[in-house]
Amino acid sequence: MTPTIKNCIECGVILNSPSNWWLSFVGKQHYKCIDCYEIRRTENIIKRKYKEGKQPSSKLLAKLLGTRHKAEYNKIENGYVYIISNPAWEGWFKVGMALDASDRCSVYQTSSPFRDYVVRYSKYFEDRRSSEQQIHAILTKEKLERRGEWFKGSLSDIKSVIKQH
């Protein structure tokens, strides 16, 4: 079954399968993005707990707050597409998107004992999500080895693709 262009009935975001909408939702005509679906599902679990006279766990409540925060964050379209690297993986560069590239890199630093992730380049876009997807597609088309958002190639080639976009 081919997905049709729809918007989430909760937040209005365009539904792009599989990035923010499960393909299985097409047959059910369930037009909610994954974030809104998760919020509603978690809210229902919490309501059921209260009806049963039970207190929902703090983990469940934290999940609801985190999902709501993520949904609000995802509504912001503008931001940066960036390149980061780590000397431990020479020749590999992460091409990602964020509201603020340097802030995004600081999150990576917490997972590295050496705090050695470096932002190599960033460019502002009105639609960071779409731009990142298009840049990933171009880099893949140029036959760069890929692992998720990490690409093996030269920094100048990757930077050139982003600059031209």
C-alpha atoms as a PDB file:
ATOM      1  CA  MET A   1       0.000   0.000   0.000  1.00  0.00           C
ATOM      2  CA  THR A   2       1.446   3.413  -0.945  1.00  0.00           C
ATOM      3  CA  PRO A   3       1.418   6.139   1.683  1.00  0.00           C
ATOM      4  CA  THR A   4      -0.446   9.297   0.803  1.00  0.00           C
ATOM      5  CA  ILE A   5       0.669  12.784   1.779  1.00  0.00           C
ATOM      6  CA  LYS A   6      -1.091  13.558   5.051  1.00  0.00           C
ATOM      7  CA  ASN A   7      -0.578  15.716   8.098  1.00  0.00           C
ATOM      8  CA  CYS A   8      -0.683  14.620  11.730  1.00  0.00           C
ATOM      9  CA  ILE A   9      -4.159  15.241  13.128  1.00  0.00           C
ATOM     10  CA  GLU A  10      -2.601  16.377  16.434  1.00  0.00           C
ATOM     11  CA  CYS A  11       0.352  18.635  15.548  1.00  0.00           C
ATOM     12  CA  GLY A  12      -0.032  19.118  11.778  1.00  0.00           C
ATOM     13  CA  VAL A  13       3.453  17.916  10.818  1.00  0.00           C
ATOM     14  CA  ILE A  14       3.758  16.299   7.370  1.00  0.00           C
ATOM     15  CA  LEU A  15       3.838  12.527   7.753  1.00  0.00           C
ATOM     16  CA  ASN A  16       6.921  11.010   6.095  1.00  0.00           C
ATOM     17  CA  SER A  17       7.142   7.259   6.386  1.00  0.00           C
ATOM     18  CA  PRO A  18       9.295   5.862   8.012  1.00  0.00           C
ATOM     19  CA  SER A  19      10.960   8.937   9.573  1.00  0.00           C
ATOM     20  CA  ASN A  20       8.018  10.173  11.644  1.00  0.00           C
ATOM     21  CA  TRP A  21       5.121   7.862  10.782  1.00  0.00           C
ATOM     22  CA  TRP A  22       4.774   4.090  10.726  1.00  0.00           C
ATOM     23  CA  LEU A  23       3.778   2.616   7.389  1.00  0.00           C
ATOM     24  CA  SER A  24       1.381   0.279   9.217  1.00  0.00           C
ATOM     25  CA  PHE A  25      -0.718   3.351  10.067  1.00  0.00           C
ATOM     26  CA  VAL A  26      -1.713   3.764   6.376  1.00  0.00           C
ATOM     27  CA  GLY A  27      -4.123   0.818   6.334  1.00  0.00           C
ATOM     28  CA  LYS A  28      -5.656   1.928   9.604  1.00  0.00           C
ATOM     29  CA  GLN A  29      -5.944   5.507   8.324  1.00  0.00           C
ATOM     30  CA  HIS A  30      -4.304   6.542  11.581  1.00  0.00           C
ATOM     31  CA  TYR A  31      -2.886   9.961  10.772  1.00  0.00           C
ATOM     32  CA  LYS A  32      -0.718  10.773  13.790  1.00  0.00           C
ATOM     33  CA  CYS A  33       3.034  11.199  13.851  1.00  0.00           C
ATOM     34  CA  ILE A  34       5.018   8.836  16.055  1.00  0.00           C
ATOM     35  CA  ASP A  35       5.623  11.556  18.675  1.00  0.00           C
ATOM     36  CA  CYS A  36       1.914  12.422  19.042  1.00  0.00           C
ATOM     37  CA  TYR A  37       1.029   8.718  19.046  1.00  0.00           C
ATOM     38  CA  GLU A  38       3.529   8.076  21.865  1.00  0.00           C
ATOM     39  CA  ILE A  39       2.218  11.026  23.896  1.00  0.00           C
ATOM     40  CA  ARG A  40      -1.373   9.778  23.591  1.00  0.00           C
ATOM     41  CA  ARG A  41      -0.368   6.173  24.367  1.00  0.00           C
ATOM     42  CA  THR A  42       1.594   7.207  27.461  1.00  0.00           C
ATOM     43  CA  GLU A  43      -1.252   9.475  28.637  1.00  0.00           C
ATOM     44  CA  ASN A  44      -3.679   6.552  28.296  1.00  0.00           C
ATOM     45  CA  ILE A  45      -1.414   4.275  30.337  1.00  0.00           C
ATOM     46  CA  ILE A  46      -1.199   6.930  33.075  1.00  0.00           C
ATOM     47  CA  LYS A  47      -5.013   7.418  33.067  1.00  0.00           C
ATOM     48  CA  ARG A  48      -5.515   3.655  33.346  1.00  0.00           C
ATOM     49  CA  LYS A  49      -3.141   3.514  36.332  1.00  0.00           C
ATOM     50  CA  TYR A  50      -5.091   6.255  38.108  1.00  0.00           C
ATOM     51  CA  LYS A  51      -8.410   4.498  37.362  1.00  0.00           C
ATOM     52  CA  GLU A  52      -6.987   1.330  38.913  1.00  0.00           C
ATOM     53  CA  GLY A  53      -6.094   3.382  41.996  1.00  0.00           C
ATOM     54  CA  LYS A  54      -2.384   3.064  41.341  1.00  0.00           C
ATOM     55  CA  GLN A  55       0.234   5.798  41.190  1.00  0.00           C
ATOM     56  CA  PRO A  56       2.054   5.842  37.823  1.00  0.00           C
ATOM     57  CA  SER A  57       5.794   5.366  38.142  1.00  0.00           C
ATOM     58  CA  SER A  58       8.072   8.386  38.003  1.00  0.00           C
ATOM     59  CA  LYS A  59       9.735   6.749  34.999  1.00  0.00           C
ATOM     60  CA  LEU A  60       6.416   6.727  33.127  1.00  0.00           C
ATOM     61  CA  LEU A  61       5.723  10.366  34.013  1.00  0.00           C
ATOM     62  CA  ALA A  62       9.253  11.336  32.932  1.00  0.00           C
ATOM     63  CA  LYS A  63       8.707   9.532  29.635  1.00  0.00           C
ATOM     64  CA  LEU A  64       5.556  11.579  29.014  1.00  0.00           C
ATOM     65  CA  LEU A  65       7.352  14.854  29.748  1.00  0.00           C
ATOM     66  CA  GLY A  66      10.293  13.853  27.547  1.00  0.00           C
ATOM     67  CA  THR A  67       8.044  12.858  24.654  1.00  0.00           C
ATOM     68  CA  ARG A  68       6.094  16.108  24.890  1.00  0.00           C
ATOM     69  CA  HIS A  69       9.355  18.073  24.928  1.00  0.00           C
ATOM     70  CA  LYS A  70      10.622  16.170  21.893  1.00  0.00           C
ATOM     71  CA  ALA A  71       7.389  16.826  20.000  1.00  0.00           C
ATOM     72  CA  GLU A  72       7.690  20.575  20.679  1.00  0.00           C
ATOM     73  CA  TYR A  73      11.375  20.518  19.658  1.00  0.00           C
ATOM     74  CA  ASN A  74      10.537  18.741  16.401  1.00  0.00           C
ATOM     75  CA  LYS A  75       8.057  21.472  15.444  1.00  0.00           C
ATOM     76  CA  ILE A  76      10.923  23.979  15.096  1.00  0.00           C
ATOM     77  CA  GLU A  77      11.992  23.862  11.461  1.00  0.00           C
ATOM     78  CA  ASN A  78      14.974  26.196  11.233  1.00  0.00           C
ATOM     79  CA  GLY A  79      18.440  25.384  12.486  1.00  0.00           C
ATOM     80  CA  TYR A  80      21.791  24.045  11.396  1.00  0.00           C
ATOM     81  CA  VAL A  81      23.122  21.109   9.456  1.00  0.00           C
ATOM     82  CA  TYR A  82      26.540  20.348  10.890  1.00  0.00           C
ATOM     83  CA  ILE A  83      29.588  18.132  10.506  1.00  0.00           C
ATOM     84  CA  ILE A  84      31.310  16.749  13.588  1.00  0.00           C
ATOM     85  CA  SER A  85      34.275  14.452  13.880  1.00  0.00           C
ATOM     86  CA  ASN A  86      36.182  12.499  16.474  1.00  0.00           C
ATOM     87  CA  PRO A  87      39.880  11.566  16.073  1.00  0.00           C
ATOM     88  CA  ALA A  88      39.075   8.036  17.245  1.00  0.00           C
ATOM     89  CA  TRP A  89      37.270   7.477  13.919  1.00  0.00           C
ATOM     90  CA  GLU A  90      39.560   9.071  11.390  1.00  0.00           C
ATOM     91  CA  GLY A  91      37.893   9.826   8.054  1.00  0.00           C
ATOM     92  CA  TRP A  92      34.372   9.470   9.495  1.00  0.00           C
ATOM     93  CA  PHE A  93      32.134  12.512   9.849  1.00  0.00           C
ATOM     94  CA  LYS A  94      28.677  12.846  11.330  1.00  0.00           C
ATOM     95  CA  VAL A  95      26.279  14.977   9.316  1.00  0.00           C
ATOM     96  CA  GLY A  96      23.424  15.940  11.591  1.00  0.00           C
ATOM     97  CA  MET A  97      20.974  18.713  12.351  1.00  0.00           C
ATOM     98  CA  ALA A  98      20.280  20.796  15.419  1.00  0.00           C
ATOM     99  CA  LEU A  99      18.941  24.127  16.550  1.00  0.00           C
ATOM    100  CA  ASP A 100      22.486  24.994  17.615  1.00  0.00           C
ATOM    101  CA  ALA A 101      25.431  22.959  16.303  1.00  0.00           C
ATOM    102  CA  SER A 102      27.853  23.757  19.143  1.00  0.00           C
ATOM    103  CA  ASP A 103      25.215  22.883  21.749  1.00  0.00           C
ATOM    104  CA  ARG A 104      24.570  19.584  19.953  1.00  0.00           C
ATOM    105  CA  CYS A 105      28.271  18.783  20.048  1.00  0.00           C
ATOM    106  CA  SER A 106      28.377  19.360  23.808  1.00  0.00           C
ATOM    107  CA  VAL A 107      25.840  16.531  24.184  1.00  0.00           C
ATOM    108  CA  TYR A 108      28.258  14.231  22.353  1.00  0.00           C
ATOM    109  CA  GLN A 109      31.072  15.258  24.694  1.00  0.00           C
ATOM    110  CA  THR A 110      29.308  13.591  27.626  1.00  0.00           C
ATOM    111  CA  SER A 111      29.582  10.223  25.895  1.00  0.00           C
ATOM    112  CA  SER A 112      33.298  10.630  25.222  1.00  0.00           C
ATOM    113  CA  PRO A 113      35.745  10.410  28.119  1.00  0.00           C
ATOM    114  CA  PHE A 114      38.209  12.522  26.108  1.00  0.00           C
ATOM    115  CA  ARG A 115      35.698  15.255  25.139  1.00  0.00           C
ATOM    116  CA  ASP A 116      37.186  15.145  21.664  1.00  0.00           C
ATOM    117  CA  TYR A 117      34.216  15.694  19.322  1.00  0.00           C
ATOM    118  CA  VAL A 118      34.731  18.773  17.169  1.00  0.00           C
ATOM    119  CA  VAL A 119      32.240  20.755  15.078  1.00  0.00           C
ATOM    120  CA  ARG A 120      34.002  21.021  11.710  1.00  0.00           C
ATOM    121  CA  TYR A 121      31.352  23.003   9.845  1.00  0.00           C
ATOM    122  CA  SER A 122      27.769  24.163  10.177  1.00  0.00           C
ATOM    123  CA  LYS A 123      25.316  26.020   7.962  1.00  0.00           C
ATOM    124  CA  TYR A 124      21.958  27.553   8.828  1.00  0.00           C
ATOM    125  CA  PHE A 125      18.821  26.363   6.975  1.00  0.00           C
ATOM    126  CA  GLU A 126      15.188  27.438   7.158  1.00  0.00           C
ATOM    127  CA  ASP A 127      14.209  23.741   7.137  1.00  0.00           C
ATOM    128  CA  ARG A 128      16.993  21.830   8.857  1.00  0.00           C
ATOM    129  CA  ARG A 129      15.216  18.464   8.757  1.00  0.00           C
ATOM    130  CA  SER A 130      14.547  18.514   5.016  1.00  0.00           C
ATOM    131  CA  SER A 131      18.015  19.882   4.242  1.00  0.00           C
ATOM    132  CA  GLU A 132      19.682  17.185   6.327  1.00  0.00           C
ATOM    133  CA  GLN A 133      17.707  14.445   4.542  1.00  0.00           C
ATOM    134  CA  GLN A 134      18.601  15.855   1.121  1.00  0.00           C
ATOM    135  CA  ILE A 135      22.283  16.175   2.050  1.00  0.00           C
ATOM    136  CA  HIS A 136      22.325  12.580   3.349  1.00  0.00           C
ATOM    137  CA  ALA A 137      20.767  11.451   0.047  1.00  0.00           C
ATOM    138  CA  ILE A 138      23.415  13.309  -1.988  1.00  0.00           C
ATOM    139  CA  LEU A 139      26.279  11.882   0.096  1.00  0.00           C
ATOM    140  CA  THR A 140      24.823   8.370  -0.258  1.00  0.00           C
ATOM    141  CA  LYS A 141      24.394   8.880  -4.005  1.00  0.00           C
ATOM    142  CA  GLU A 142      28.072   9.883  -4.204  1.00  0.00           C
ATOM    143  CA  LYS A 143      28.847   6.396  -2.835  1.00  0.00           C
ATOM    144  CA  LEU A 144      30.332   7.479   0.491  1.00  0.00           C
ATOM    145  CA  GLU A 145      30.402   4.646   2.997  1.00  0.00           C
ATOM    146  CA  ARG A 146      27.613   5.257   5.501  1.00  0.00           C
ATOM    147  CA  ARG A 147      26.728   4.133   9.031  1.00  0.00           C
ATOM    148  CA  GLY A 148      23.550   5.938  10.093  1.00  0.00           C
ATOM    149  CA  GLU A 149      24.434   9.635  10.025  1.00  0.00           C
ATOM    150  CA  TRP A 150      28.191   8.969   9.839  1.00  0.00           C
ATOM    151  CA  PHE A 151      29.928   9.148   6.468  1.00  0.00           C
ATOM    152  CA  LYS A 152      33.438   8.096   5.504  1.00  0.00           C
ATOM    153  CA  GLY A 153      35.034  10.566   3.140  1.00  0.00           C
ATOM    154  CA  SER A 154      36.964  13.797   2.992  1.00  0.00           C
ATOM    155  CA  LEU A 155      35.851  16.727   5.083  1.00  0.00           C
ATOM    156  CA  SER A 156      36.168  19.076   2.109  1.00  0.00           C
ATOM    157  CA  ASP A 157      33.864  16.932  -0.063  1.00  0.00           C
ATOM    158  CA  ILE A 158      31.193  16.693   2.622  1.00  0.00           C
ATOM    159  CA  LYS A 159      31.498  20.393   3.418  1.00  0.00           C
ATOM    160  CA  SER A 160      31.157  21.202  -0.293  1.00  0.00           C
ATOM    161  CA  VAL A 161      27.857  19.286  -0.524  1.00  0.00           C
ATOM    162  CA  ILE A 162      26.434  21.245   2.409  1.00  0.00           C
ATOM    163  CA  LYS A 163      27.699  24.601   1.080  1.00  0.00           C
ATOM    164  CA  GLN A 164      26.085  23.962  -2.334  1.00  0.00           C
ATOM    165  CA  HIS A 165      22.761  22.935  -0.860  1.00  0.00           C
END
